[in-house]
Structures are given as C-alpha cells and as structure tokens.
Amino acid sequence: MHEILCTRCGAVGPDAAGNCARCGSSQVLAADAPHARKFIEERDARNRGAASGSASIRTQATGKVLGRALGRLFRK
C-alpha cells in the first residue's frame, strides 16, 4: 500500500484518492520520497527549536504568582 505525507497537517497514512485521509488536503508527498524526509527533518528542527526556547507565557505567569506569594509569606 502506498503511504503519503501531508504537508498541511503532517499526517502519514494511506493515500485517499490523492488527498490526505485526515484533513483532505491535496498537498501530499509520497512518504518514502526524499522531499518527504527533508520536510520531516525541517519540521522536527523547528519543533526542537521551539521546545528549547524560553518558557511559555503560562509558565512565566505561574512563576510570578508563586514568587509574589512566597515574597509576602517571608516578608512578615
């Protein structure tokens, strides 16, 4: 069975009449093609870069709240 890689949603799966089975996009590559491997490597590099970057906004906000609470607790 021929598998495809969707460049829109990143799904790898069976060919559904030239479209992605998950999102229906026609922006697909053969999963074993060199272009597909390059696409996956670039996507993974972007994801690693985002994951190793600064903390998320929610994490920063939680740290501020906890820091203020501990500051008030130890000031007295």
Protein backbone atom coordinates (compact mmCIF):
# COMPACT_ATOMS: atom_id res chain seq x y z
CA MET A 1 0.00 0.00 0.00
CA HIS A 2 1.27 3.48 -0.91
CA GLU A 3 1.62 5.88 2.03
CA ILE A 4 1.66 9.67 1.82
CA LEU A 5 2.84 12.54 3.99
CA CYS A 6 0.52 15.53 4.25
CA THR A 7 2.46 18.80 4.23
CA ARG A 8 -0.50 20.63 5.72
CA CYS A 9 -1.22 18.59 8.88
CA GLY A 10 1.85 16.31 8.97
CA ALA A 11 -0.12 13.05 8.93
CA VAL A 12 1.41 9.93 7.43
CA GLY A 13 -1.05 7.36 6.18
CA PRO A 14 -2.71 5.66 3.26
CA ASP A 15 -3.41 7.51 0.05
CA ALA A 16 -7.08 8.58 -0.13
CA ALA A 17 -7.51 9.30 -3.85
CA GLY A 18 -4.55 11.72 -3.86
CA ASN A 19 -5.70 13.53 -0.71
CA CYS A 20 -4.84 13.33 2.98
CA ALA A 21 -7.10 10.93 4.85
CA ARG A 22 -7.05 13.16 7.97
CA CYS A 23 -7.60 16.70 6.66
CA GLY A 24 -8.48 16.17 2.98
CA SER A 25 -5.66 18.36 1.70
CA SER A 26 -4.19 17.70 -1.71
CA GLN A 27 -0.76 18.94 -0.53
CA VAL A 28 0.80 15.49 -0.12
CA LEU A 29 4.13 13.80 -0.83
CA ALA A 30 4.99 10.14 -1.17
CA ALA A 31 6.13 9.12 2.33
CA ASP A 32 9.28 7.44 1.05
CA ALA A 33 10.33 10.34 -1.22
CA PRO A 34 13.46 12.39 -0.42
CA HIS A 35 11.32 15.55 -0.25
CA ALA A 36 9.19 13.94 2.47
CA ARG A 37 12.27 13.12 4.54
CA LYS A 38 13.52 16.70 4.17
CA PHE A 39 10.08 18.04 5.19
CA ILE A 40 10.07 15.85 8.33
CA GLU A 41 13.62 16.85 9.28
CA GLU A 42 12.82 20.57 8.91
CA ARG A 43 9.59 20.21 10.89
CA ASP A 44 11.39 18.36 13.69
CA ALA A 45 14.14 21.01 13.76
CA ARG A 46 11.52 23.76 14.12
CA ASN A 47 9.78 21.85 16.92
CA ARG A 48 13.06 21.27 18.78
CA GLY A 49 13.88 24.97 18.49
CA ALA A 50 10.51 25.99 19.90
CA ALA A 51 10.71 23.45 22.72
CA SER A 52 14.19 24.54 23.83
CA GLY A 53 13.31 28.23 23.74
CA SER A 54 12.07 30.37 26.60
CA ALA A 55 9.33 29.31 28.96
CA SER A 56 5.72 29.69 27.88
CA ILE A 57 3.65 32.67 28.94
CA ARG A 58 1.59 30.48 31.28
CA THR A 59 4.74 29.14 32.95
CA GLN A 60 6.10 32.64 33.42
CA ALA A 61 2.80 33.86 34.91
CA THR A 62 2.70 30.93 37.34
CA GLY A 63 6.26 31.69 38.44
CA LYS A 64 5.37 35.33 39.08
CA VAL A 65 2.33 34.40 41.16
CA LEU A 66 4.30 31.91 43.24
CA GLY A 67 7.17 34.36 43.67
CA ARG A 68 4.83 37.07 44.94
CA ALA A 69 3.12 34.67 47.33
CA LEU A 70 6.42 33.47 48.76
CA GLY A 71 7.68 37.04 48.99
CA ARG A 72 4.66 38.07 51.06
CA LEU A 73 4.99 34.99 53.24
CA PHE A 74 8.64 35.57 54.09
CA ARG A 75 8.42 39.36 54.49
CA LYS A 76 6.40 39.10 57.69
